[in-house]
C-alpha atoms as a PDB file:
ATOM      1  CA  UNK A   1      13.643   4.236  16.108  1.00  0.00           C
ATOM      2  CA  UNK A   2      14.911   7.617  14.988  1.00  0.00           C
ATOM      3  CA  UNK A   3      12.370   9.924  13.465  1.00  0.00           C
ATOM      4  CA  UNK A   4      12.398  13.042  11.358  1.00  0.00           C
ATOM      5  CA  UNK A   5       9.853  15.757  10.912  1.00  0.00           C
ATOM      6  CA  UNK A   6       7.879  15.778   7.683  1.00  0.00           C
ATOM      7  CA  UNK A   7       5.123  18.180   6.762  1.00  0.00           C
ATOM      8  CA  UNK A   8       2.461  18.109   4.090  1.00  0.00           C
ATOM      9  CA  UNK A   9      -0.696  19.899   3.118  1.00  0.00           C
ATOM     10  CA  UNK A  10      -3.929  17.943   3.400  1.00  0.00           C
ATOM     11  CA  UNK A  11      -7.250  18.734   1.853  1.00  0.00           C
ATOM     12  CA  UNK A  12      -9.575  20.119   4.534  1.00  0.00           C
ATOM     13  CA  UNK A  13     -11.859  17.102   4.304  1.00  0.00           C
ATOM     14  CA  UNK A  14      -8.953  14.693   4.778  1.00  0.00           C
ATOM     15  CA  UNK A  15      -7.679  16.629   7.787  1.00  0.00           C
ATOM     16  CA  UNK A  16     -11.164  16.654   9.277  1.00  0.00           C
ATOM     17  CA  UNK A  17     -11.521  12.903   8.802  1.00  0.00           C
ATOM     18  CA  UNK A  18      -8.112  12.338  10.357  1.00  0.00           C
ATOM     19  CA  UNK A  19      -9.054  14.462  13.371  1.00  0.00           C
ATOM     20  CA  UNK A  20     -12.358  12.604  13.784  1.00  0.00           C
ATOM     21  CA  UNK A  21     -10.647   9.222  13.604  1.00  0.00           C
ATOM     22  CA  UNK A  22      -7.970  10.300  16.062  1.00  0.00           C
ATOM     23  CA  UNK A  23     -10.652  11.438  18.489  1.00  0.00           C
ATOM     24  CA  UNK A  24     -12.709   8.263  18.043  1.00  0.00           C
ATOM     25  CA  UNK A  25      -9.738   5.935  18.522  1.00  0.00           C
ATOM     26  CA  UNK A  26      -7.843   7.867  21.165  1.00  0.00           C
ATOM     27  CA  UNK A  27      -4.796   7.909  18.896  1.00  0.00           C
ATOM     28  CA  UNK A  28      -2.856  10.922  17.759  1.00  0.00           C
ATOM     29  CA  UNK A  29      -3.123  12.267  14.228  1.00  0.00           C
ATOM     30  CA  UNK A  30       0.595  11.576  13.845  1.00  0.00           C
ATOM     31  CA  UNK A  31       0.168   7.929  14.873  1.00  0.00           C
ATOM     32  CA  UNK A  32      -2.642   7.405  12.392  1.00  0.00           C
ATOM     33  CA  UNK A  33      -0.779   9.170   9.573  1.00  0.00           C
ATOM     34  CA  UNK A  34       2.399   7.161  10.179  1.00  0.00           C
ATOM     35  CA  UNK A  35       0.408   3.923  10.334  1.00  0.00           C
ATOM     36  CA  UNK A  36      -1.379   4.748   7.081  1.00  0.00           C
ATOM     37  CA  UNK A  37       1.841   5.682   5.279  1.00  0.00           C
ATOM     38  CA  UNK A  38       3.605   2.526   6.472  1.00  0.00           C
ATOM     39  CA  UNK A  39       0.712   0.312   5.319  1.00  0.00           C
ATOM     40  CA  UNK A  40       0.613   2.089   1.954  1.00  0.00           C
ATOM     41  CA  UNK A  41       4.370   1.634   1.494  1.00  0.00           C
ATOM     42  CA  UNK A  42       4.129  -2.075   2.394  1.00  0.00           C
ATOM     43  CA  UNK A  43       1.384  -2.672  -0.182  1.00  0.00           C
ATOM     44  CA  UNK A  44       2.991  -0.608  -2.936  1.00  0.00           C
ATOM     45  CA  UNK A  45       6.440  -2.121  -2.342  1.00  0.00           C
ATOM     46  CA  UNK A  46       4.971  -5.632  -2.524  1.00  0.00           C
ATOM     47  CA  UNK A  47       3.025  -4.814  -5.686  1.00  0.00           C
ATOM     48  CA  UNK A  48       5.976  -3.225  -7.499  1.00  0.00           C
ATOM     49  CA  UNK A  49       8.196  -6.147  -6.490  1.00  0.00           C
ATOM     50  CA  UNK A  50       5.637  -8.652  -7.813  1.00  0.00           C
ATOM     51  CA  UNK A  51       5.343  -6.747 -11.097  1.00  0.00           C
ATOM     52  CA  UNK A  52       9.124  -6.605 -11.470  1.00  0.00           C
ATOM     53  CA  UNK A  53       9.357 -10.356 -10.753  1.00  0.00           C
ATOM     54  CA  UNK A  54       6.690 -11.008 -13.389  1.00  0.00           C
ATOM     55  CA  UNK A  55       8.551  -8.926 -15.953  1.00  0.00           C
ATOM     56  CA  UNK A  56      11.750 -10.869 -15.204  1.00  0.00           C
ATOM     57  CA  UNK A  57       9.856 -14.146 -15.666  1.00  0.00           C
ATOM     58  CA  UNK A  58       8.500 -12.993 -19.018  1.00  0.00           C
ATOM     59  CA  UNK A  59      11.956 -11.771 -20.086  1.00  0.00           C
ATOM     60  CA  UNK A  60      13.278 -15.247 -19.204  1.00  0.00           C
ATOM     61  CA  UNK A  61      10.576 -16.908 -21.313  1.00  0.00           C
ATOM     62  CA  UNK A  62       8.541 -18.080 -18.334  1.00  0.00           C
ATOM     63  CA  UNK A  63       4.806 -17.608 -18.523  1.00  0.00           C
ATOM     64  CA  UNK A  64       1.503 -19.199 -17.566  1.00  0.00           C
ATOM     65  CA  UNK A  65      -1.271 -19.774 -20.057  1.00  0.00           C
ATOM     66  CA  UNK A  66      -4.627 -18.122 -19.562  1.00  0.00           C
ATOM     67  CA  UNK A  67      -6.184 -21.586 -19.498  1.00  0.00           C
ATOM     68  CA  UNK A  68      -4.061 -22.525 -16.455  1.00  0.00           C
ATOM     69  CA  UNK A  69      -4.924 -19.258 -14.730  1.00  0.00           C
ATOM     70  CA  UNK A  70      -8.630 -19.859 -15.282  1.00  0.00           C
ATOM     71  CA  UNK A  71      -8.263 -23.440 -14.043  1.00  0.00           C
ATOM     72  CA  UNK A  72      -6.415 -22.309 -10.907  1.00  0.00           C
ATOM     73  CA  UNK A  73      -9.110 -19.721 -10.185  1.00  0.00           C
ATOM     74  CA  UNK A  74     -11.977 -22.084 -11.031  1.00  0.00           C
ATOM     75  CA  UNK A  75     -13.185 -19.917 -13.885  1.00  0.00           C
END
């Protein structure tokens, strides 16, 4: 996989925590940062996609009643 350099400024506390975790796990700071960014992007991409799908459903007149939601969740 091709890679590119990317730099950013971290708060001192965040950098310190990253260094401590890298030391404790035997991983590099870069590995941990890439892993964290990839996980964040996966979650955010999924969430935005789900929201957009929900908006499309509502725009198409599809919805679920609160009573059905409560029933599904056992509330």
